[in-house]
Amino acid sequence: MITIFGDSLAGWDSLVIGFFVIVIGIPVFILEFVIGIACRDRMKCKGYQDYNYYFWVGFLLSFIGIIICFSKPDLTKQTPVQPDPDANYEPQYQQTDAAQYDYDQNYDPQYQQSADSVQCQSCGNMNPAGSTFCNGCGNKMN
């Protein structure tokens, strides 16, 4: 209880606190909210995917949040890194040539050339007698 010159001011303390909340607290909250919106929009314009996070940075840190958001690099203006055209890039795997294995395309152990096999006129593949289509190229047999 506050006493000034012997008078009791018991109800004045809650009135003073309410006055400061209304006069100072609400405008500060609105200012923090506006700063949060400004930080969020700035980070969205800079191309950041998590721009909603920066609303809270601005809202909770106020002017420090503004400095953080405005000092971040702009992702929309960054150019992608181009590979060096003079660099010698070697493949990660070795390409093989079928000729080095001495591969015969017409060899199929199941249908080795016999008296009842027929040769395709398009590709030369040996096919079993009575085949309608060639096993090698898929063309119709004559």
N, C-alpha and C. Protein backbone atom coordinates (compact mmCIF):
# COMPACT_ATOMS: atom_id res chain seq x y z
N MET A 1 0.84 -1.16 0.00
CA MET A 1 0.00 0.00 0.00
C MET A 1 0.89 1.24 0.00
N ILE A 2 0.57 2.17 -0.88
CA ILE A 2 1.34 3.39 -1.01
C ILE A 2 0.66 4.49 -0.18
N THR A 3 1.45 5.14 0.61
CA THR A 3 0.88 6.25 1.39
C THR A 3 1.65 7.51 1.07
N ILE A 4 0.93 8.52 0.68
CA ILE A 4 1.52 9.83 0.42
C ILE A 4 0.79 10.83 1.32
N PHE A 5 1.52 11.46 2.13
CA PHE A 5 0.96 12.43 3.07
C PHE A 5 -0.17 11.85 3.89
N GLY A 6 -0.04 10.56 4.23
CA GLY A 6 -1.04 9.96 5.10
C GLY A 6 -2.27 9.45 4.38
N ASP A 7 -2.42 9.70 3.06
CA ASP A 7 -3.59 9.20 2.33
C ASP A 7 -3.29 7.82 1.76
N SER A 8 -4.26 6.96 1.71
CA SER A 8 -4.09 5.60 1.19
C SER A 8 -4.44 5.59 -0.31
N LEU A 9 -3.50 5.00 -1.12
CA LEU A 9 -3.72 4.90 -2.57
C LEU A 9 -3.74 3.42 -2.97
N ALA A 10 -4.52 2.59 -2.33
CA ALA A 10 -4.52 1.15 -2.51
C ALA A 10 -4.94 0.74 -3.92
N GLY A 11 -5.84 1.38 -4.55
CA GLY A 11 -6.34 1.00 -5.88
C GLY A 11 -5.53 1.57 -7.02
N TRP A 12 -4.63 2.47 -6.75
CA TRP A 12 -3.88 3.15 -7.81
C TRP A 12 -2.80 2.26 -8.45
N ASP A 13 -2.25 1.29 -7.75
CA ASP A 13 -1.17 0.49 -8.32
C ASP A 13 -1.65 -0.36 -9.50
N SER A 14 -2.81 -0.98 -9.44
CA SER A 14 -3.32 -1.76 -10.56
C SER A 14 -3.73 -0.86 -11.72
N LEU A 15 -4.17 0.33 -11.42
CA LEU A 15 -4.54 1.29 -12.46
C LEU A 15 -3.30 1.76 -13.21
N VAL A 16 -2.21 1.98 -12.52
CA VAL A 16 -0.97 2.40 -13.14
C VAL A 16 -0.40 1.28 -14.02
N ILE A 17 -0.45 0.04 -13.55
CA ILE A 17 0.03 -1.09 -14.34
C ILE A 17 -0.82 -1.26 -15.59
N GLY A 18 -2.10 -1.16 -15.48
CA GLY A 18 -3.00 -1.25 -16.64
C GLY A 18 -2.73 -0.13 -17.64
N PHE A 19 -2.45 1.05 -17.16
CA PHE A 19 -2.14 2.18 -18.03
C PHE A 19 -0.87 1.92 -18.84
N PHE A 20 0.16 1.40 -18.18
CA PHE A 20 1.42 1.11 -18.88
C PHE A 20 1.24 -0.03 -19.89
N VAL A 21 0.43 -1.03 -19.57
CA VAL A 21 0.17 -2.13 -20.51
C VAL A 21 -0.52 -1.59 -21.76
N ILE A 22 -1.48 -0.74 -21.58
CA ILE A 22 -2.23 -0.20 -22.72
C ILE A 22 -1.38 0.78 -23.51
N VAL A 23 -0.70 1.69 -22.83
CA VAL A 23 0.03 2.75 -23.52
C VAL A 23 1.35 2.24 -24.11
N ILE A 24 2.02 1.32 -23.46
CA ILE A 24 3.34 0.88 -23.93
C ILE A 24 3.28 -0.53 -24.52
N GLY A 25 2.59 -1.45 -23.87
CA GLY A 25 2.61 -2.86 -24.28
C GLY A 25 1.97 -3.12 -25.63
N ILE A 26 0.81 -2.59 -25.87
CA ILE A 26 0.10 -2.84 -27.13
C ILE A 26 0.84 -2.24 -28.32
N PRO A 27 1.31 -0.99 -28.27
CA PRO A 27 2.08 -0.48 -29.42
C PRO A 27 3.37 -1.26 -29.67
N VAL A 28 4.04 -1.72 -28.62
CA VAL A 28 5.26 -2.51 -28.79
C VAL A 28 4.92 -3.84 -29.45
N PHE A 29 3.84 -4.47 -29.05
CA PHE A 29 3.42 -5.72 -29.67
C PHE A 29 3.11 -5.52 -31.15
N ILE A 30 2.41 -4.44 -31.48
CA ILE A 30 2.10 -4.15 -32.88
C ILE A 30 3.38 -3.89 -33.66
N LEU A 31 4.32 -3.16 -33.08
CA LEU A 31 5.60 -2.89 -33.74
C LEU A 31 6.36 -4.19 -33.98
N GLU A 32 6.41 -5.08 -33.01
CA GLU A 32 7.10 -6.36 -33.16
C GLU A 32 6.43 -7.19 -34.25
N PHE A 33 5.12 -7.17 -34.31
CA PHE A 33 4.39 -7.91 -35.33
C PHE A 33 4.73 -7.38 -36.73
N VAL A 34 4.78 -6.07 -36.88
CA VAL A 34 5.13 -5.46 -38.17
C VAL A 34 6.57 -5.81 -38.56
N ILE A 35 7.47 -5.79 -37.60
CA ILE A 35 8.86 -6.16 -37.87
C ILE A 35 8.94 -7.63 -38.30
N GLY A 36 8.18 -8.50 -37.65
CA GLY A 36 8.14 -9.91 -38.04
C GLY A 36 7.64 -10.09 -39.46
N ILE A 37 6.58 -9.37 -39.83
CA ILE A 37 6.05 -9.45 -41.20
C ILE A 37 7.09 -8.94 -42.19
N ALA A 38 7.77 -7.85 -41.86
CA ALA A 38 8.79 -7.30 -42.77
C ALA A 38 9.94 -8.29 -42.96
N CYS A 39 10.38 -8.93 -41.90
CA CYS A 39 11.46 -9.92 -42.02
C CYS A 39 11.01 -11.11 -42.86
N ARG A 40 9.81 -11.59 -42.62
CA ARG A 40 9.30 -12.74 -43.38
C ARG A 40 9.21 -12.41 -44.87
N ASP A 41 8.66 -11.25 -45.21
CA ASP A 41 8.51 -10.88 -46.61
C ASP A 41 9.86 -10.66 -47.29
N ARG A 42 10.81 -10.11 -46.56
CA ARG A 42 12.15 -9.89 -47.12
C ARG A 42 12.83 -11.22 -47.45
N MET A 43 12.69 -12.19 -46.55
CA MET A 43 13.32 -13.49 -46.80
C MET A 43 12.60 -14.26 -47.91
N LYS A 44 11.30 -14.04 -48.05
CA LYS A 44 10.56 -14.66 -49.16
C LYS A 44 11.04 -14.09 -50.49
N CYS A 45 11.26 -12.77 -50.53
CA CYS A 45 11.76 -12.13 -51.76
C CYS A 45 13.19 -12.57 -52.08
N LYS A 46 13.96 -12.93 -51.07
CA LYS A 46 15.34 -13.37 -51.29
C LYS A 46 15.44 -14.83 -51.71
N GLY A 47 14.30 -15.55 -51.74
CA GLY A 47 14.30 -16.91 -52.24
C GLY A 47 14.50 -17.99 -51.19
N TYR A 48 14.34 -17.68 -49.92
CA TYR A 48 14.50 -18.68 -48.87
C TYR A 48 13.23 -19.51 -48.75
N GLN A 49 13.40 -20.84 -48.59
CA GLN A 49 12.25 -21.74 -48.49
C GLN A 49 11.60 -21.67 -47.12
N ASP A 50 12.36 -21.40 -46.07
CA ASP A 50 11.83 -21.37 -44.72
C ASP A 50 11.58 -19.94 -44.25
N TYR A 51 10.93 -19.15 -45.11
CA TYR A 51 10.76 -17.72 -44.80
C TYR A 51 9.81 -17.48 -43.63
N ASN A 52 8.91 -18.40 -43.31
CA ASN A 52 8.02 -18.21 -42.16
C ASN A 52 8.80 -18.24 -40.84
N TYR A 53 9.91 -18.95 -40.83
CA TYR A 53 10.78 -18.97 -39.65
C TYR A 53 11.27 -17.57 -39.33
N TYR A 54 11.52 -16.77 -40.35
CA TYR A 54 12.09 -15.44 -40.14
C TYR A 54 11.06 -14.44 -39.60
N PHE A 55 9.77 -14.78 -39.65
CA PHE A 55 8.78 -13.95 -38.96
C PHE A 55 9.09 -13.96 -37.46
N TRP A 56 9.37 -15.15 -36.93
CA TRP A 56 9.65 -15.25 -35.50
C TRP A 56 10.99 -14.63 -35.15
N VAL A 57 11.95 -14.67 -36.07
CA VAL A 57 13.23 -14.00 -35.82
C VAL A 57 12.99 -12.51 -35.67
N GLY A 58 12.20 -11.93 -36.57
CA GLY A 58 11.90 -10.50 -36.48
C GLY A 58 11.02 -10.15 -35.30
N PHE A 59 10.04 -10.99 -35.02
CA PHE A 59 9.11 -10.71 -33.93
C PHE A 59 9.80 -10.78 -32.57
N LEU A 60 10.63 -11.79 -32.38
CA LEU A 60 11.24 -11.97 -31.06
C LEU A 60 12.52 -11.15 -30.87
N LEU A 61 13.26 -10.91 -31.94
CA LEU A 61 14.53 -10.19 -31.80
C LEU A 61 14.45 -8.73 -32.22
N SER A 62 13.33 -8.31 -32.75
CA SER A 62 13.09 -6.91 -33.12
C SER A 62 14.14 -6.40 -34.11
N PHE A 63 14.86 -5.36 -33.75
CA PHE A 63 15.79 -4.73 -34.67
C PHE A 63 17.01 -5.62 -34.96
N ILE A 64 17.37 -6.47 -34.03
CA ILE A 64 18.44 -7.44 -34.31
C ILE A 64 17.96 -8.42 -35.38
N GLY A 65 16.67 -8.80 -35.34
CA GLY A 65 16.10 -9.66 -36.37
C GLY A 65 16.12 -9.01 -37.74
N ILE A 66 15.88 -7.70 -37.78
CA ILE A 66 15.95 -6.97 -39.06
C ILE A 66 17.37 -7.02 -39.60
N ILE A 67 18.35 -6.81 -38.75
CA ILE A 67 19.75 -6.85 -39.19
C ILE A 67 20.10 -8.25 -39.70
N ILE A 68 19.64 -9.29 -39.02
CA ILE A 68 19.91 -10.66 -39.46
C ILE A 68 19.28 -10.91 -40.83
N CYS A 69 18.02 -10.55 -40.99
CA CYS A 69 17.31 -10.83 -42.24
C CYS A 69 17.86 -10.04 -43.42
N PHE A 70 18.21 -8.80 -43.20
CA PHE A 70 18.69 -7.97 -44.30
C PHE A 70 20.16 -8.23 -44.63
N SER A 71 20.88 -8.92 -43.75
CA SER A 71 22.27 -9.23 -44.05
C SER A 71 22.44 -10.60 -44.71
N LYS A 72 21.37 -11.40 -44.76
CA LYS A 72 21.44 -12.71 -45.43
C LYS A 72 21.62 -12.51 -46.93
N PRO A 73 22.34 -13.42 -47.61
CA PRO A 73 22.53 -13.27 -49.06
C PRO A 73 21.24 -13.53 -49.83
N ASP A 74 21.14 -12.89 -50.99
CA ASP A 74 19.98 -13.04 -51.85
C ASP A 74 20.17 -14.28 -52.73
N LEU A 75 19.34 -15.29 -52.53
CA LEU A 75 19.48 -16.54 -53.27
C LEU A 75 19.00 -16.42 -54.72
N THR A 76 18.15 -15.45 -55.01
CA THR A 76 17.63 -15.32 -56.37
C THR A 76 18.65 -14.71 -57.31
N LYS A 77 19.64 -14.01 -56.80
CA LYS A 77 20.64 -13.35 -57.65
C LYS A 77 21.93 -14.13 -57.75
N GLN A 78 22.04 -15.25 -57.07
CA GLN A 78 23.26 -16.04 -57.13
C GLN A 78 23.24 -16.87 -58.40
N THR A 79 24.35 -16.89 -59.08
CA THR A 79 24.47 -17.68 -60.30
C THR A 79 24.99 -19.07 -59.95
N PRO A 80 24.48 -20.09 -60.63
CA PRO A 80 24.98 -21.43 -60.34
C PRO A 80 26.43 -21.58 -60.78
N VAL A 81 27.14 -22.43 -60.12
CA VAL A 81 28.55 -22.67 -60.42
C VAL A 81 28.64 -23.45 -61.72
N GLN A 82 29.36 -22.90 -62.68
CA GLN A 82 29.54 -23.55 -63.97
C GLN A 82 30.78 -24.42 -63.92
N PRO A 83 30.73 -25.60 -64.56
CA PRO A 83 31.93 -26.44 -64.58
C PRO A 83 33.01 -25.80 -65.44
N ASP A 84 34.25 -26.06 -65.09
CA ASP A 84 35.39 -25.51 -65.82
C ASP A 84 35.51 -26.23 -67.16
N PRO A 85 35.40 -25.50 -68.28
CA PRO A 85 35.47 -26.18 -69.58
C PRO A 85 36.87 -26.72 -69.88
N ASP A 86 37.89 -26.19 -69.23
CA ASP A 86 39.26 -26.65 -69.49
C ASP A 86 39.63 -27.88 -68.66
N ALA A 87 38.81 -28.22 -67.68
CA ALA A 87 39.14 -29.35 -66.81
C ALA A 87 38.96 -30.66 -67.59
N ASN A 88 39.80 -31.63 -67.27
CA ASN A 88 39.75 -32.93 -67.93
C ASN A 88 38.87 -33.85 -67.09
N TYR A 89 37.65 -34.06 -67.55
CA TYR A 89 36.73 -34.93 -66.84
C TYR A 89 36.81 -36.33 -67.44
N GLU A 90 37.04 -37.31 -66.60
CA GLU A 90 37.12 -38.69 -67.06
C GLU A 90 35.87 -39.42 -66.59
N PRO A 91 35.38 -40.33 -67.40
CA PRO A 91 34.17 -41.06 -66.98
C PRO A 91 34.46 -41.91 -65.74
N GLN A 92 33.44 -42.12 -64.95
CA GLN A 92 33.60 -42.88 -63.72
C GLN A 92 33.55 -44.38 -63.97
N TYR A 93 33.18 -44.78 -65.14
CA TYR A 93 33.13 -46.19 -65.47
C TYR A 93 33.79 -46.40 -66.82
N GLN A 94 34.21 -47.61 -67.06
CA GLN A 94 34.89 -47.92 -68.32
C GLN A 94 33.87 -48.55 -69.26
N GLN A 95 33.74 -47.94 -70.43
CA GLN A 95 32.83 -48.49 -71.41
C GLN A 95 33.53 -49.64 -72.12
N THR A 96 32.78 -50.70 -72.33
CA THR A 96 33.36 -51.87 -72.97
C THR A 96 32.83 -52.00 -74.38
N ASP A 97 33.58 -52.65 -75.19
CA ASP A 97 33.20 -52.89 -76.57
C ASP A 97 32.93 -54.38 -76.72
N ALA A 98 31.82 -54.72 -77.37
CA ALA A 98 31.47 -56.13 -77.53
C ALA A 98 32.51 -56.87 -78.36
N ALA A 99 33.22 -56.17 -79.24
CA ALA A 99 34.21 -56.82 -80.10
C ALA A 99 35.38 -57.36 -79.29
N GLN A 100 35.71 -56.74 -78.15
CA GLN A 100 36.84 -57.21 -77.38
C GLN A 100 36.55 -58.56 -76.73
N TYR A 101 35.29 -58.93 -76.60
CA TYR A 101 34.95 -60.23 -76.04
C TYR A 101 34.75 -61.29 -77.11
N ASP A 102 34.94 -60.92 -78.36
CA ASP A 102 34.79 -61.84 -79.47
C ASP A 102 33.39 -62.46 -79.44
N TYR A 103 32.39 -61.61 -79.30
CA TYR A 103 31.00 -62.03 -79.15
C TYR A 103 30.38 -62.26 -80.52
N ASP A 104 29.75 -63.39 -80.69
CA ASP A 104 29.05 -63.71 -81.93
C ASP A 104 27.56 -63.52 -81.68
N GLN A 105 26.94 -62.55 -82.36
CA GLN A 105 25.53 -62.27 -82.13
C GLN A 105 24.64 -63.42 -82.58
N ASN A 106 25.10 -64.17 -83.53
CA ASN A 106 24.27 -65.25 -84.06
C ASN A 106 24.39 -66.53 -83.26
N TYR A 107 25.26 -66.56 -82.26
CA TYR A 107 25.46 -67.80 -81.49
C TYR A 107 24.42 -67.90 -80.39
N ASP A 108 23.70 -68.95 -80.42
CA ASP A 108 22.75 -69.27 -79.36
C ASP A 108 22.87 -70.76 -79.13
N PRO A 109 23.38 -71.19 -77.98
CA PRO A 109 23.66 -72.61 -77.78
C PRO A 109 22.41 -73.48 -77.90
N GLN A 110 21.25 -72.89 -77.66
CA GLN A 110 20.03 -73.67 -77.74
C GLN A 110 19.70 -74.04 -79.18
N TYR A 111 20.02 -73.12 -80.09
CA TYR A 111 19.68 -73.35 -81.49
C TYR A 111 20.94 -73.33 -82.33
N GLN A 112 21.79 -74.27 -82.14
CA GLN A 112 22.97 -74.36 -82.98
C GLN A 112 22.54 -74.85 -84.36
N GLN A 113 23.37 -74.50 -85.33
CA GLN A 113 23.01 -74.83 -86.71
C GLN A 113 22.90 -76.35 -86.85
N SER A 114 21.77 -76.76 -87.33
CA SER A 114 21.54 -78.18 -87.57
C SER A 114 20.77 -78.33 -88.87
N ALA A 115 20.40 -79.53 -89.19
CA ALA A 115 19.70 -79.80 -90.45
C ALA A 115 18.32 -79.17 -90.48
N ASP A 116 17.69 -79.02 -89.29
CA ASP A 116 16.33 -78.46 -89.25
C ASP A 116 16.30 -76.98 -88.86
N SER A 117 17.39 -76.22 -88.99
CA SER A 117 17.40 -74.79 -88.68
C SER A 117 17.34 -73.98 -89.97
N VAL A 118 16.80 -72.79 -89.84
CA VAL A 118 16.60 -71.90 -90.99
C VAL A 118 17.31 -70.59 -90.69
N GLN A 119 17.98 -70.02 -91.70
CA GLN A 119 18.68 -68.76 -91.52
C GLN A 119 17.78 -67.61 -91.94
N CYS A 120 17.78 -66.54 -91.12
CA CYS A 120 16.99 -65.34 -91.44
C CYS A 120 17.65 -64.60 -92.58
N GLN A 121 16.88 -64.13 -93.55
CA GLN A 121 17.43 -63.42 -94.70
C GLN A 121 17.77 -61.96 -94.35
N SER A 122 17.18 -61.44 -93.28
CA SER A 122 17.45 -60.05 -92.91
C SER A 122 18.74 -59.91 -92.12
N CYS A 123 18.92 -60.74 -91.07
CA CYS A 123 20.08 -60.57 -90.19
C CYS A 123 21.04 -61.75 -90.21
N GLY A 124 20.65 -62.87 -90.76
CA GLY A 124 21.53 -64.03 -90.83
C GLY A 124 21.50 -64.90 -89.59
N ASN A 125 20.61 -64.66 -88.67
CA ASN A 125 20.51 -65.44 -87.44
C ASN A 125 19.92 -66.81 -87.76
N MET A 126 20.43 -67.84 -87.08
CA MET A 126 19.92 -69.19 -87.25
C MET A 126 18.74 -69.39 -86.32
N ASN A 127 17.60 -69.84 -86.86
CA ASN A 127 16.37 -70.03 -86.11
C ASN A 127 15.91 -71.47 -86.27
N PRO A 128 15.18 -72.00 -85.28
CA PRO A 128 14.67 -73.36 -85.43
C PRO A 128 13.67 -73.45 -86.58
N ALA A 129 13.59 -74.60 -87.20
CA ALA A 129 12.67 -74.79 -88.32
C ALA A 129 11.24 -74.60 -87.84
N GLY A 130 10.42 -73.96 -88.66
CA GLY A 130 9.03 -73.71 -88.32
C GLY A 130 8.81 -72.40 -87.57
N SER A 131 9.86 -71.61 -87.36
CA SER A 131 9.71 -70.32 -86.66
C SER A 131 8.97 -69.34 -87.55
N THR A 132 8.06 -68.59 -86.97
CA THR A 132 7.33 -67.58 -87.72
C THR A 132 8.11 -66.27 -87.76
N PHE A 133 8.79 -65.93 -86.66
CA PHE A 133 9.58 -64.71 -86.57
C PHE A 133 11.01 -65.04 -86.20
N CYS A 134 11.93 -64.19 -86.60
CA CYS A 134 13.35 -64.36 -86.31
C CYS A 134 13.60 -64.07 -84.83
N ASN A 135 14.42 -64.92 -84.20
CA ASN A 135 14.78 -64.70 -82.79
C ASN A 135 15.78 -63.56 -82.62
N GLY A 136 16.47 -63.19 -83.69
CA GLY A 136 17.47 -62.13 -83.61
C GLY A 136 16.92 -60.75 -83.88
N CYS A 137 16.20 -60.60 -85.01
CA CYS A 137 15.76 -59.25 -85.39
C CYS A 137 14.23 -59.08 -85.27
N GLY A 138 13.49 -60.16 -85.20
CA GLY A 138 12.06 -60.06 -85.03
C GLY A 138 11.29 -59.96 -86.34
N ASN A 139 11.99 -59.98 -87.46
CA ASN A 139 11.30 -59.92 -88.75
C ASN A 139 10.60 -61.24 -89.01
N LYS A 140 9.59 -61.17 -89.87
CA LYS A 140 8.84 -62.37 -90.23
C LYS A 140 9.71 -63.25 -91.12
N MET A 141 9.71 -64.55 -90.84
CA MET A 141 10.47 -65.51 -91.63
C MET A 141 9.70 -65.85 -92.89
N ASN A 142 10.42 -66.10 -93.98
CA ASN A 142 9.77 -66.48 -95.24
C ASN A 142 9.52 -67.95 -95.32
